Amino acid sequence: MNIKPIRTEQDYQGALKAIAPLFDNQPEMGIRLHGSHGVIN
């Protein structure tokens, strides 16, 4: 994992683009989420 600070508008837009797929994809039926953080088991 490559973590960098968001300092510019370009950094911000790049971060949004990188995480957008995480919100677009719903977990499959039957996949159990683990704990309060929603980690897929």
C-alpha atoms as a PDB file:
ATOM      1  CA  MET A   1       0.000   0.000   0.000  1.00  0.00           C
ATOM      2  CA  ASN A   2       1.355   3.401  -0.982  1.00  0.00           C
ATOM      3  CA  ILE A   3       0.063   6.122   1.363  1.00  0.00           C
ATOM      4  CA  LYS A   4       0.828   9.771   0.596  1.00  0.00           C
ATOM      5  CA  PRO A   5      -0.535  13.044   1.997  1.00  0.00           C
ATOM      6  CA  ILE A   6      -3.136  14.904  -0.057  1.00  0.00           C
ATOM      7  CA  ARG A   7      -1.662  18.345  -0.658  1.00  0.00           C
ATOM      8  CA  THR A   8      -3.054  19.533  -3.965  1.00  0.00           C
ATOM      9  CA  GLU A   9      -6.282  19.345  -5.929  1.00  0.00           C
ATOM     10  CA  GLN A  10      -4.550  16.883  -8.255  1.00  0.00           C
ATOM     11  CA  ASP A  11      -3.643  14.667  -5.269  1.00  0.00           C
ATOM     12  CA  TYR A  12      -7.256  14.847  -4.066  1.00  0.00           C
ATOM     13  CA  GLN A  13      -8.713  13.926  -7.456  1.00  0.00           C
ATOM     14  CA  GLY A  14      -6.231  11.061  -7.784  1.00  0.00           C
ATOM     15  CA  ALA A  15      -7.210   9.721  -4.360  1.00  0.00           C
ATOM     16  CA  LEU A  16     -10.911   9.869  -5.250  1.00  0.00           C
ATOM     17  CA  LYS A  17     -10.251   8.031  -8.500  1.00  0.00           C
ATOM     18  CA  ALA A  18      -8.269   5.346  -6.662  1.00  0.00           C
ATOM     19  CA  ILE A  19     -10.983   4.595  -4.080  1.00  0.00           C
ATOM     20  CA  ALA A  20     -14.085   4.970  -6.280  1.00  0.00           C
ATOM     21  CA  PRO A  21     -14.123   1.270  -7.299  1.00  0.00           C
ATOM     22  CA  LEU A  22     -14.263   0.282  -3.625  1.00  0.00           C
ATOM     23  CA  PHE A  23     -17.629   2.009  -3.305  1.00  0.00           C
ATOM     24  CA  ASP A  24     -18.993   0.956  -6.690  1.00  0.00           C
ATOM     25  CA  ASN A  25     -18.649  -2.801  -6.117  1.00  0.00           C
ATOM     26  CA  GLN A  26     -21.119  -4.382  -3.704  1.00  0.00           C
ATOM     27  CA  PRO A  27     -20.102  -7.621  -1.952  1.00  0.00           C
ATOM     28  CA  GLU A  28     -21.515 -10.846  -3.377  1.00  0.00           C
ATOM     29  CA  MET A  29     -24.414 -12.520  -1.622  1.00  0.00           C
ATOM     30  CA  GLY A  30     -23.226 -14.921   1.045  1.00  0.00           C
ATOM     31  CA  ILE A  31     -19.940 -13.137   1.776  1.00  0.00           C
ATOM     32  CA  ARG A  32     -19.686 -12.518   5.504  1.00  0.00           C
ATOM     33  CA  LEU A  33     -18.328  -9.194   6.711  1.00  0.00           C
ATOM     34  CA  HIS A  34     -15.975  -9.424   9.682  1.00  0.00           C
ATOM     35  CA  GLY A  35     -16.120  -7.053  12.646  1.00  0.00           C
ATOM     36  CA  SER A  36     -17.174  -3.433  12.714  1.00  0.00           C
ATOM     37  CA  HIS A  37     -14.795  -2.433   9.904  1.00  0.00           C
ATOM     38  CA  GLY A  38     -16.597  -4.414   7.235  1.00  0.00           C
ATOM     39  CA  VAL A  39     -13.560  -6.473   6.254  1.00  0.00           C
ATOM     40  CA  ILE A  40     -14.556  -9.214   3.839  1.00  0.00           C
ATOM     41  CA  ASN A  41     -13.727 -12.577   5.355  1.00  0.00           C
END
